């Protein structure tokens, strides 16, 4: 099978994400897919910031399993926007648009 390129190229997962997904290497697209599968299966979306899980909406509720993965996230985008989830607490939310930063922060 051909080696993937771009977002389909396998990357090494940092320990928290590797433990969560049960894999040491995956492509960024597969990481994102598996995170969303977990979020949807566990009803962890909500329509309001820091709202209760309601299985719909643009915010993701950090449960005990996702929290260690989310807390690895500290990044600055090319536009200068900082995503800092290091002080996130269980039950708090992140915006679904922050998922790319979460994935990037958890791969080597």
PDB file of N, CA and C in Angstrom:
ATOM      1  N   UNK A   1       0.839  -1.175   0.000  1.00  0.00           N
ATOM      2  CA  UNK A   1       0.000   0.000   0.000  1.00  0.00           C
ATOM      3  C   UNK A   1       0.889   1.244   0.000  1.00  0.00           C
ATOM      4  N   UNK A   2       0.506   2.248  -0.769  1.00  0.00           N
ATOM      5  CA  UNK A   2       1.299   3.456  -0.890  1.00  0.00           C
ATOM      6  C   UNK A   2       1.293   4.255   0.408  1.00  0.00           C
ATOM      7  N   UNK A   3       2.397   4.920   0.655  1.00  0.00           N
ATOM      8  CA  UNK A   3       2.530   5.781   1.825  1.00  0.00           C
ATOM      9  C   UNK A   3       1.608   6.988   1.651  1.00  0.00           C
ATOM     10  N   UNK A   4       0.855   7.344   2.679  1.00  0.00           N
ATOM     11  CA  UNK A   4      -0.039   8.492   2.597  1.00  0.00           C
ATOM     12  C   UNK A   4       0.738   9.792   2.536  1.00  0.00           C
ATOM     13  N   UNK A   5       0.100  10.824   2.045  1.00  0.00           N
ATOM     14  CA  UNK A   5       0.711  12.144   1.993  1.00  0.00           C
ATOM     15  C   UNK A   5      -0.235  13.158   2.621  1.00  0.00           C
ATOM     16  N   UNK A   6       0.296  14.310   2.979  1.00  0.00           N
ATOM     17  CA  UNK A   6      -0.528  15.376   3.549  1.00  0.00           C
ATOM     18  C   UNK A   6      -1.261  14.927   4.799  1.00  0.00           C
ATOM     19  N   UNK A   7      -2.559  15.168   4.834  1.00  0.00           N
ATOM     20  CA  UNK A   7      -3.373  14.809   6.001  1.00  0.00           C
ATOM     21  C   UNK A   7      -3.557  13.305   6.145  1.00  0.00           C
ATOM     22  N   UNK A   8      -3.258  12.554   5.080  1.00  0.00           N
ATOM     23  CA  UNK A   8      -3.405  11.095   5.122  1.00  0.00           C
ATOM     24  C   UNK A   8      -2.112  10.377   5.497  1.00  0.00           C
ATOM     25  N   UNK A   9      -1.051  11.136   5.735  1.00  0.00           N
ATOM     26  CA  UNK A   9       0.222  10.553   6.149  1.00  0.00           C
ATOM     27  C   UNK A   9       0.158  10.197   7.633  1.00  0.00           C
ATOM     28  N   UNK A  10       0.656   9.016   7.977  1.00  0.00           N
ATOM     29  CA  UNK A  10       0.662   8.602   9.387  1.00  0.00           C
ATOM     30  C   UNK A  10       1.602   9.479  10.199  1.00  0.00           C
ATOM     31  N   UNK A  11       1.156   9.846  11.389  1.00  0.00           N
ATOM     32  CA  UNK A  11       1.954  10.630  12.325  1.00  0.00           C
ATOM     33  C   UNK A  11       2.004   9.881  13.653  1.00  0.00           C
ATOM     34  N   UNK A  12       3.009  10.165  14.454  1.00  0.00           N
ATOM     35  CA  UNK A  12       3.154   9.538  15.769  1.00  0.00           C
ATOM     36  C   UNK A  12       2.314  10.305  16.780  1.00  0.00           C
ATOM     37  N   UNK A  13       1.516   9.584  17.552  1.00  0.00           N
ATOM     38  CA  UNK A  13       0.637  10.190  18.548  1.00  0.00           C
ATOM     39  C   UNK A  13       1.369  10.345  19.880  1.00  0.00           C
ATOM     40  N   UNK A  14       1.148  11.468  20.554  1.00  0.00           N
ATOM     41  CA  UNK A  14       1.676  11.656  21.898  1.00  0.00           C
ATOM     42  C   UNK A  14       0.931  10.724  22.848  1.00  0.00           C
ATOM     43  N   UNK A  15       1.495  10.491  24.011  1.00  0.00           N
ATOM     44  CA  UNK A  15       1.028   9.428  24.904  1.00  0.00           C
ATOM     45  C   UNK A  15      -0.456   9.505  25.273  1.00  0.00           C
ATOM     46  N   UNK A  16      -0.989  10.685  25.587  1.00  0.00           N
ATOM     47  CA  UNK A  16      -2.385  10.786  26.002  1.00  0.00           C
ATOM     48  C   UNK A  16      -3.334  10.394  24.866  1.00  0.00           C
ATOM     49  N   UNK A  17      -3.040  10.877  23.661  1.00  0.00           N
ATOM     50  CA  UNK A  17      -3.883  10.548  22.514  1.00  0.00           C
ATOM     51  C   UNK A  17      -3.708   9.089  22.119  1.00  0.00           C
ATOM     52  N   UNK A  18      -2.482   8.582  22.202  1.00  0.00           N
ATOM     53  CA  UNK A  18      -2.233   7.167  21.898  1.00  0.00           C
ATOM     54  C   UNK A  18      -3.016   6.273  22.856  1.00  0.00           C
ATOM     55  N   UNK A  19      -3.045   6.614  24.126  1.00  0.00           N
ATOM     56  CA  UNK A  19      -3.807   5.836  25.108  1.00  0.00           C
ATOM     57  C   UNK A  19      -5.300   5.917  24.816  1.00  0.00           C
ATOM     58  N   UNK A  20      -5.776   7.097  24.486  1.00  0.00           N
ATOM     59  CA  UNK A  20      -7.194   7.302  24.205  1.00  0.00           C
ATOM     60  C   UNK A  20      -7.648   6.499  22.985  1.00  0.00           C
ATOM     61  N   UNK A  21      -6.841   6.522  21.917  1.00  0.00           N
ATOM     62  CA  UNK A  21      -7.223   5.865  20.666  1.00  0.00           C
ATOM     63  C   UNK A  21      -6.725   4.422  20.548  1.00  0.00           C
ATOM     64  N   UNK A  22      -5.794   4.030  21.421  1.00  0.00           N
ATOM     65  CA  UNK A  22      -5.266   2.672  21.362  1.00  0.00           C
ATOM     66  C   UNK A  22      -4.367   2.421  20.165  1.00  0.00           C
ATOM     67  N   UNK A  23      -3.766   3.480  19.644  1.00  0.00           N
ATOM     68  CA  UNK A  23      -2.866   3.399  18.489  1.00  0.00           C
ATOM     69  C   UNK A  23      -1.651   4.273  18.745  1.00  0.00           C
ATOM     70  N   UNK A  24      -0.523   3.928  18.107  1.00  0.00           N
ATOM     71  CA  UNK A  24       0.680   4.758  18.222  1.00  0.00           C
ATOM     72  C   UNK A  24       0.849   5.678  17.022  1.00  0.00           C
ATOM     73  N   UNK A  25       0.298   5.269  15.878  1.00  0.00           N
ATOM     74  CA  UNK A  25       0.383   6.069  14.652  1.00  0.00           C
ATOM     75  C   UNK A  25      -0.940   6.024  13.902  1.00  0.00           C
ATOM     76  N   UNK A  26      -1.363   7.164  13.417  1.00  0.00           N
ATOM     77  CA  UNK A  26      -2.569   7.295  12.587  1.00  0.00           C
ATOM     78  C   UNK A  26      -2.412   8.532  11.716  1.00  0.00           C
ATOM     79  N   UNK A  27      -3.224   8.645  10.693  1.00  0.00           N
ATOM     80  CA  UNK A  27      -3.242   9.871   9.899  1.00  0.00           C
ATOM     81  C   UNK A  27      -4.069  10.916  10.647  1.00  0.00           C
ATOM     82  N   UNK A  28      -3.841  12.180  10.329  1.00  0.00           N
ATOM     83  CA  UNK A  28      -4.605  13.254  10.968  1.00  0.00           C
ATOM     84  C   UNK A  28      -6.100  13.109  10.687  1.00  0.00           C
ATOM     85  N   UNK A  29      -6.447  12.685   9.482  1.00  0.00           N
ATOM     86  CA  UNK A  29      -7.865  12.519   9.164  1.00  0.00           C
ATOM     87  C   UNK A  29      -8.485  11.405   9.998  1.00  0.00           C
ATOM     88  N   UNK A  30      -7.755  10.324  10.217  1.00  0.00           N
ATOM     89  CA  UNK A  30      -8.276   9.216  11.024  1.00  0.00           C
ATOM     90  C   UNK A  30      -8.372   9.615  12.500  1.00  0.00           C
ATOM     91  N   UNK A  31      -7.413  10.391  12.981  1.00  0.00           N
ATOM     92  CA  UNK A  31      -7.468  10.881  14.369  1.00  0.00           C
ATOM     93  C   UNK A  31      -8.735  11.712  14.564  1.00  0.00           C
ATOM     94  N   UNK A  32      -8.965  12.657  13.656  1.00  0.00           N
ATOM     95  CA  UNK A  32     -10.133  13.524  13.741  1.00  0.00           C
ATOM     96  C   UNK A  32     -11.419  12.709  13.669  1.00  0.00           C
ATOM     97  N   UNK A  33     -11.484  11.760  12.758  1.00  0.00           N
ATOM     98  CA  UNK A  33     -12.660  10.905  12.617  1.00  0.00           C
ATOM     99  C   UNK A  33     -12.941  10.145  13.911  1.00  0.00           C
ATOM    100  N   UNK A  34     -11.911   9.547  14.491  1.00  0.00           N
ATOM    101  CA  UNK A  34     -12.110   8.756  15.711  1.00  0.00           C
ATOM    102  C   UNK A  34     -12.511   9.628  16.901  1.00  0.00           C
ATOM    103  N   UNK A  35     -11.943  10.839  17.004  1.00  0.00           N
ATOM    104  CA  UNK A  35     -12.347  11.755  18.065  1.00  0.00           C
ATOM    105  C   UNK A  35     -13.821  12.125  17.909  1.00  0.00           C
ATOM    106  N   UNK A  36     -14.246  12.445  16.686  1.00  0.00           N
ATOM    107  CA  UNK A  36     -15.646  12.793  16.444  1.00  0.00           C
ATOM    108  C   UNK A  36     -16.561  11.608  16.676  1.00  0.00           C
ATOM    109  N   UNK A  37     -16.120  10.412  16.302  1.00  0.00           N
ATOM    110  CA  UNK A  37     -16.930   9.211  16.576  1.00  0.00           C
ATOM    111  C   UNK A  37     -17.186   9.080  18.072  1.00  0.00           C
ATOM    112  N   UNK A  38     -16.156   9.294  18.887  1.00  0.00           N
ATOM    113  CA  UNK A  38     -16.285   9.208  20.340  1.00  0.00           C
ATOM    114  C   UNK A  38     -17.223  10.305  20.861  1.00  0.00           C
ATOM    115  N   UNK A  39     -17.014  11.526  20.391  1.00  0.00           N
ATOM    116  CA  UNK A  39     -17.830  12.660  20.838  1.00  0.00           C
ATOM    117  C   UNK A  39     -19.301  12.405  20.538  1.00  0.00           C
ATOM    118  N   UNK A  40     -19.592  11.971  19.327  1.00  0.00           N
ATOM    119  CA  UNK A  40     -20.983  11.726  18.934  1.00  0.00           C
ATOM    120  C   UNK A  40     -21.581  10.530  19.671  1.00  0.00           C
ATOM    121  N   UNK A  41     -20.804   9.452  19.819  1.00  0.00           N
ATOM    122  CA  UNK A  41     -21.306   8.251  20.493  1.00  0.00           C
ATOM    123  C   UNK A  41     -21.632   8.514  21.961  1.00  0.00           C
ATOM    124  N   UNK A  42     -20.933   9.483  22.555  1.00  0.00           N
ATOM    125  CA  UNK A  42     -21.129   9.775  23.971  1.00  0.00           C
ATOM    126  C   UNK A  42     -21.940  11.053  24.216  1.00  0.00           C
ATOM    127  N   UNK A  43     -22.533  11.596  23.148  1.00  0.00           N
ATOM    128  CA  UNK A  43     -23.400  12.763  23.291  1.00  0.00           C
ATOM    129  C   UNK A  43     -22.716  13.967  23.888  1.00  0.00           C
ATOM    130  N   UNK A  44     -21.478  14.246  23.472  1.00  0.00           N
ATOM    131  CA  UNK A  44     -20.685  15.294  24.108  1.00  0.00           C
ATOM    132  C   UNK A  44     -20.702  16.641  23.382  1.00  0.00           C
ATOM    133  N   UNK A  45     -21.713  16.864  22.549  1.00  0.00           N
ATOM    134  CA  UNK A  45     -21.851  18.174  21.926  1.00  0.00           C
ATOM    135  C   UNK A  45     -22.935  18.959  22.661  1.00  0.00           C
ATOM    136  N   UNK A  46     -22.798  20.287  22.645  1.00  0.00           N
ATOM    137  CA  UNK A  46     -23.787  21.155  23.262  1.00  0.00           C
ATOM    138  C   UNK A  46     -23.890  22.445  22.466  1.00  0.00           C
ATOM    139  N   UNK A  47     -25.009  23.122  22.573  1.00  0.00           N
ATOM    140  CA  UNK A  47     -25.244  24.335  21.795  1.00  0.00           C
ATOM    141  C   UNK A  47     -24.716  25.584  22.479  1.00  0.00           C
ATOM    142  N   UNK A  48     -24.396  25.491  23.766  1.00  0.00           N
ATOM    143  CA  UNK A  48     -23.937  26.663  24.503  1.00  0.00           C
ATOM    144  C   UNK A  48     -22.583  26.409  25.136  1.00  0.00           C
ATOM    145  N   UNK A  49     -21.792  27.462  25.229  1.00  0.00           N
ATOM    146  CA  UNK A  49     -20.481  27.343  25.853  1.00  0.00           C
ATOM    147  C   UNK A  49     -20.646  26.907  27.306  1.00  0.00           C
ATOM    148  N   UNK A  50     -19.931  25.863  27.684  1.00  0.00           N
ATOM    149  CA  UNK A  50     -19.976  25.272  29.017  1.00  0.00           C
ATOM    150  C   UNK A  50     -21.369  24.779  29.399  1.00  0.00           C
ATOM    151  N   UNK A  51     -22.175  24.446  28.372  1.00  0.00           N
ATOM    152  CA  UNK A  51     -23.508  23.897  28.612  1.00  0.00           C
ATOM    153  C   UNK A  51     -23.449  22.402  28.866  1.00  0.00           C
ATOM    154  N   UNK A  52     -24.551  21.851  29.293  1.00  0.00           N
ATOM    155  CA  UNK A  52     -24.649  20.413  29.542  1.00  0.00           C
ATOM    156  C   UNK A  52     -24.682  19.669  28.211  1.00  0.00           C
ATOM    157  N   UNK A  53     -24.129  18.448  28.166  1.00  0.00           N
ATOM    158  CA  UNK A  53     -24.160  17.662  26.932  1.00  0.00           C
ATOM    159  C   UNK A  53     -25.590  17.454  26.444  1.00  0.00           C
ATOM    160  N   UNK A  54     -25.808  17.682  25.151  1.00  0.00           N
ATOM    161  CA  UNK A  54     -27.139  17.488  24.582  1.00  0.00           C
ATOM    162  C   UNK A  54     -27.077  16.837  23.203  1.00  0.00           C
ATOM    163  N   UNK A  55     -25.898  16.376  22.802  1.00  0.00           N
ATOM    164  CA  UNK A  55     -25.686  15.640  21.556  1.00  0.00           C
ATOM    165  C   UNK A  55     -25.955  16.458  20.299  1.00  0.00           C
ATOM    166  N   UNK A  56     -25.813  17.771  20.383  1.00  0.00           N
ATOM    167  CA  UNK A  56     -25.941  18.639  19.217  1.00  0.00           C
ATOM    168  C   UNK A  56     -25.303  19.980  19.554  1.00  0.00           C
ATOM    169  N   UNK A  57     -24.738  20.636  18.552  1.00  0.00           N
ATOM    170  CA  UNK A  57     -24.189  21.969  18.763  1.00  0.00           C
ATOM    171  C   UNK A  57     -22.726  22.058  18.407  1.00  0.00           C
ATOM    172  N   UNK A  58     -22.202  23.288  18.489  1.00  0.00           N
ATOM    173  CA  UNK A  58     -20.839  23.537  18.041  1.00  0.00           C
ATOM    174  C   UNK A  58     -19.805  23.474  19.164  1.00  0.00           C
ATOM    175  N   UNK A  59     -20.219  23.169  20.373  1.00  0.00           N
ATOM    176  CA  UNK A  59     -19.274  23.049  21.478  1.00  0.00           C
ATOM    177  C   UNK A  59     -19.136  21.585  21.891  1.00  0.00           C
ATOM    178  N   UNK A  60     -17.928  21.216  22.319  1.00  0.00           N
ATOM    179  CA  UNK A  60     -17.632  19.845  22.731  1.00  0.00           C
ATOM    180  C   UNK A  60     -17.349  19.853  24.226  1.00  0.00           C
ATOM    181  N   UNK A  61     -18.056  19.016  24.955  1.00  0.00           N
ATOM    182  CA  UNK A  61     -17.894  18.921  26.402  1.00  0.00           C
ATOM    183  C   UNK A  61     -16.733  17.978  26.708  1.00  0.00           C
ATOM    184  N   UNK A  62     -15.801  18.453  27.523  1.00  0.00           N
ATOM    185  CA  UNK A  62     -14.645  17.640  27.908  1.00  0.00           C
ATOM    186  C   UNK A  62     -15.058  16.680  29.019  1.00  0.00           C
ATOM    187  N   UNK A  63     -15.084  15.384  28.700  1.00  0.00           N
ATOM    188  CA  UNK A  63     -15.343  14.388  29.743  1.00  0.00           C
ATOM    189  C   UNK A  63     -13.998  13.900  30.278  1.00  0.00           C
ATOM    190  N   UNK A  64     -14.033  12.964  31.205  1.00  0.00           N
ATOM    191  CA  UNK A  64     -12.810  12.488  31.860  1.00  0.00           C
ATOM    192  C   UNK A  64     -11.829  11.866  30.868  1.00  0.00           C
ATOM    193  N   UNK A  65     -12.319  11.243  29.805  1.00  0.00           N
ATOM    194  CA  UNK A  65     -11.429  10.606  28.829  1.00  0.00           C
ATOM    195  C   UNK A  65     -10.824  11.604  27.846  1.00  0.00           C
ATOM    196  N   UNK A  66     -11.585  12.606  27.447  1.00  0.00           N
ATOM    197  CA  UNK A  66     -11.086  13.609  26.495  1.00  0.00           C
ATOM    198  C   UNK A  66     -10.198  14.657  27.159  1.00  0.00           C
ATOM    199  N   UNK A  67     -10.426  14.923  28.420  1.00  0.00           N
ATOM    200  CA  UNK A  67      -9.720  15.999  29.111  1.00  0.00           C
ATOM    201  C   UNK A  67      -8.196  15.922  28.980  1.00  0.00           C
ATOM    202  N   UNK A  68      -7.543  14.774  29.219  1.00  0.00           N
ATOM    203  CA  UNK A  68      -6.085  14.731  29.078  1.00  0.00           C
ATOM    204  C   UNK A  68      -5.606  15.069  27.666  1.00  0.00           C
ATOM    205  N   UNK A  69      -6.374  14.702  26.672  1.00  0.00           N
ATOM    206  CA  UNK A  69      -6.025  15.015  25.282  1.00  0.00           C
ATOM    207  C   UNK A  69      -6.175  16.514  25.034  1.00  0.00           C
ATOM    208  N   UNK A  70      -7.300  17.081  25.434  1.00  0.00           N
ATOM    209  CA  UNK A  70      -7.541  18.506  25.237  1.00  0.00           C
ATOM    210  C   UNK A  70      -6.509  19.358  25.967  1.00  0.00           C
ATOM    211  N   UNK A  71      -6.127  18.954  27.189  1.00  0.00           N
ATOM    212  CA  UNK A  71      -5.225  19.767  28.011  1.00  0.00           C
ATOM    213  C   UNK A  71      -3.811  19.857  27.446  1.00  0.00           C
ATOM    214  N   UNK A  72      -3.467  19.058  26.439  1.00  0.00           N
ATOM    215  CA  UNK A  72      -2.158  19.164  25.778  1.00  0.00           C
ATOM    216  C   UNK A  72      -2.100  20.336  24.815  1.00  0.00           C
ATOM    217  N   UNK A  73      -3.200  21.016  24.605  1.00  0.00           N
ATOM    218  CA  UNK A  73      -3.302  22.000  23.536  1.00  0.00           C
ATOM    219  C   UNK A  73      -2.900  23.401  23.966  1.00  0.00           C
ATOM    220  N   UNK A  74      -1.831  23.871  23.352  1.00  0.00           N
ATOM    221  CA  UNK A  74      -1.394  25.261  23.441  1.00  0.00           C
ATOM    222  C   UNK A  74      -0.726  25.576  22.115  1.00  0.00           C
ATOM    223  N   UNK A  75      -1.374  26.405  21.310  1.00  0.00           N
ATOM    224  CA  UNK A  75      -0.815  26.720  19.999  1.00  0.00           C
ATOM    225  C   UNK A  75      -1.189  28.138  19.576  1.00  0.00           C
ATOM    226  N   UNK A  76      -0.409  28.662  18.644  1.00  0.00           N
ATOM    227  CA  UNK A  76      -0.673  29.968  18.070  1.00  0.00           C
ATOM    228  C   UNK A  76      -0.819  29.787  16.571  1.00  0.00           C
ATOM    229  N   UNK A  77      -1.926  30.256  16.021  1.00  0.00           N
ATOM    230  CA  UNK A  77      -2.159  30.127  14.583  1.00  0.00           C
ATOM    231  C   UNK A  77      -1.317  31.143  13.819  1.00  0.00           C
ATOM    232  N   UNK A  78      -1.280  30.999  12.510  1.00  0.00           N
ATOM    233  CA  UNK A  78      -0.542  31.941  11.666  1.00  0.00           C
ATOM    234  C   UNK A  78      -1.092  33.358  11.800  1.00  0.00           C
ATOM    235  N   UNK A  79      -2.369  33.473  12.118  1.00  0.00           N
ATOM    236  CA  UNK A  79      -2.976  34.797  12.287  1.00  0.00           C
ATOM    237  C   UNK A  79      -2.731  35.369  13.683  1.00  0.00           C
ATOM    238  N   UNK A  80      -2.113  34.564  14.562  1.00  0.00           N
ATOM    239  CA  UNK A  80      -1.786  35.032  15.903  1.00  0.00           C
ATOM    240  C   UNK A  80      -2.787  34.629  16.971  1.00  0.00           C
ATOM    241  N   UNK A  81      -3.833  33.892  16.614  1.00  0.00           N
ATOM    242  CA  UNK A  81      -4.840  33.452  17.588  1.00  0.00           C
ATOM    243  C   UNK A  81      -4.264  32.326  18.446  1.00  0.00           C
ATOM    244  N   UNK A  82      -4.351  32.477  19.755  1.00  0.00           N
ATOM    245  CA  UNK A  82      -3.829  31.485  20.693  1.00  0.00           C
ATOM    246  C   UNK A  82      -4.955  30.551  21.124  1.00  0.00           C
ATOM    247  N   UNK A  83      -4.670  29.257  21.082  1.00  0.00           N
ATOM    248  CA  UNK A  83      -5.582  28.243  21.615  1.00  0.00           C
ATOM    249  C   UNK A  83      -4.883  27.613  22.807  1.00  0.00           C
ATOM    250  N   UNK A  84      -5.356  27.913  23.999  1.00  0.00           N
ATOM    251  CA  UNK A  84      -4.743  27.416  25.229  1.00  0.00           C
ATOM    252  C   UNK A  84      -5.799  26.674  26.052  1.00  0.00           C
ATOM    253  N   UNK A  85      -5.711  25.349  26.046  1.00  0.00           N
ATOM    254  CA  UNK A  85      -6.674  24.517  26.774  1.00  0.00           C
ATOM    255  C   UNK A  85      -6.049  23.875  28.010  1.00  0.00           C
ATOM    256  N   UNK A  86      -4.877  24.332  28.396  1.00  0.00           N
ATOM    257  CA  UNK A  86      -4.156  23.690  29.500  1.00  0.00           C
ATOM    258  C   UNK A  86      -4.883  23.768  30.827  1.00  0.00           C
ATOM    259  N   UNK A  87      -5.734  24.763  31.026  1.00  0.00           N
ATOM    260  CA  UNK A  87      -6.453  24.884  32.307  1.00  0.00           C
ATOM    261  C   UNK A  87      -7.905  24.410  32.206  1.00  0.00           C
ATOM    262  N   UNK A  88      -8.245  23.774  31.107  1.00  0.00           N
ATOM    263  CA  UNK A  88      -9.604  23.262  30.915  1.00  0.00           C
ATOM    264  C   UNK A  88      -9.960  22.259  32.017  1.00  0.00           C
ATOM    265  N   UNK A  89     -11.195  22.315  32.481  1.00  0.00           N
ATOM    266  CA  UNK A  89     -11.675  21.414  33.525  1.00  0.00           C
ATOM    267  C   UNK A  89     -12.741  20.487  32.951  1.00  0.00           C
ATOM    268  N   UNK A  90     -12.904  19.344  33.569  1.00  0.00           N
ATOM    269  CA  UNK A  90     -13.939  18.405  33.145  1.00  0.00           C
ATOM    270  C   UNK A  90     -15.304  19.099  33.175  1.00  0.00           C
ATOM    271  N   UNK A  91     -16.087  18.896  32.113  1.00  0.00           N
ATOM    272  CA  UNK A  91     -17.401  19.515  32.002  1.00  0.00           C
ATOM    273  C   UNK A  91     -17.395  20.833  31.251  1.00  0.00           C
ATOM    274  N   UNK A  92     -16.218  21.455  31.095  1.00  0.00           N
ATOM    275  CA  UNK A  92     -16.120  22.668  30.305  1.00  0.00           C
ATOM    276  C   UNK A  92     -16.085  22.292  28.822  1.00  0.00           C
ATOM    277  N   UNK A  93     -16.249  23.282  27.961  1.00  0.00           N
ATOM    278  CA  UNK A  93     -16.341  23.012  26.537  1.00  0.00           C
ATOM    279  C   UNK A  93     -15.224  23.672  25.740  1.00  0.00           C
ATOM    280  N   UNK A  94     -15.024  23.112  24.539  1.00  0.00           N
ATOM    281  CA  UNK A  94     -14.190  23.768  23.540  1.00  0.00           C
ATOM    282  C   UNK A  94     -15.065  23.971  22.310  1.00  0.00           C
ATOM    283  N   UNK A  95     -14.703  24.933  21.487  1.00  0.00           N
ATOM    284  CA  UNK A  95     -15.403  25.168  20.237  1.00  0.00           C
ATOM    285  C   UNK A  95     -14.946  24.113  19.238  1.00  0.00           C
ATOM    286  N   UNK A  96     -15.857  23.579  18.448  1.00  0.00           N
ATOM    287  CA  UNK A  96     -15.494  22.526  17.499  1.00  0.00           C
ATOM    288  C   UNK A  96     -14.419  22.986  16.525  1.00  0.00           C
ATOM    289  N   UNK A  97     -14.275  24.287  16.302  1.00  0.00           N
ATOM    290  CA  UNK A  97     -13.252  24.802  15.407  1.00  0.00           C
ATOM    291  C   UNK A  97     -11.853  24.656  16.009  1.00  0.00           C
ATOM    292  N   UNK A  98     -11.755  24.326  17.278  1.00  0.00           N
ATOM    293  CA  UNK A  98     -10.466  24.125  17.933  1.00  0.00           C
ATOM    294  C   UNK A  98      -9.937  22.696  17.767  1.00  0.00           C
ATOM    295  N   UNK A  99     -10.712  21.820  17.135  1.00  0.00           N
ATOM    296  CA  UNK A  99     -10.291  20.423  16.986  1.00  0.00           C
ATOM    297  C   UNK A  99      -8.997  20.278  16.196  1.00  0.00           C
ATOM    298  N   UNK A 100      -8.773  21.111  15.193  1.00  0.00           N
ATOM    299  CA  UNK A 100      -7.526  21.038  14.420  1.00  0.00           C
ATOM    300  C   UNK A 100      -6.336  21.339  15.325  1.00  0.00           C
ATOM    301  N   UNK A 101      -6.490  22.298  16.235  1.00  0.00           N
ATOM    302  CA  UNK A 101      -5.414  22.616  17.183  1.00  0.00           C
ATOM    303  C   UNK A 101      -5.190  21.460  18.145  1.00  0.00           C
ATOM    304  N   UNK A 102      -6.262  20.818  18.582  1.00  0.00           N
ATOM    305  CA  UNK A 102      -6.150  19.670  19.481  1.00  0.00           C
ATOM    306  C   UNK A 102      -5.365  18.549  18.809  1.00  0.00           C
ATOM    307  N   UNK A 103      -5.717  18.238  17.581  1.00  0.00           N
ATOM    308  CA  UNK A 103      -5.029  17.169  16.850  1.00  0.00           C
ATOM    309  C   UNK A 103      -3.554  17.536  16.679  1.00  0.00           C
ATOM    310  N   UNK A 104      -3.273  18.753  16.230  1.00  0.00           N
ATOM    311  CA  UNK A 104      -1.885  19.174  16.006  1.00  0.00           C
ATOM    312  C   UNK A 104      -1.058  19.124  17.284  1.00  0.00           C
ATOM    313  N   UNK A 105      -1.651  19.491  18.408  1.00  0.00           N
ATOM    314  CA  UNK A 105      -0.941  19.508  19.678  1.00  0.00           C
ATOM    315  C   UNK A 105      -0.656  18.114  20.212  1.00  0.00           C
ATOM    316  N   UNK A 106      -1.337  17.104  19.685  1.00  0.00           N
ATOM    317  CA  UNK A 106      -1.194  15.750  20.211  1.00  0.00           C
ATOM    318  C   UNK A 106      -0.471  14.792  19.281  1.00  0.00           C
ATOM    319  N   UNK A 107       0.219  15.325  18.281  1.00  0.00           N
ATOM    320  CA  UNK A 107       1.041  14.494  17.399  1.00  0.00           C
ATOM    321  C   UNK A 107       2.459  15.023  17.368  1.00  0.00           C
ATOM    322  N   UNK A 108       3.372  14.124  17.046  1.00  0.00           N
ATOM    323  CA  UNK A 108       4.786  14.530  16.973  1.00  0.00           C
ATOM    324  C   UNK A 108       5.224  14.690  15.545  1.00  0.00           C
TER     325      UNK A 108
END
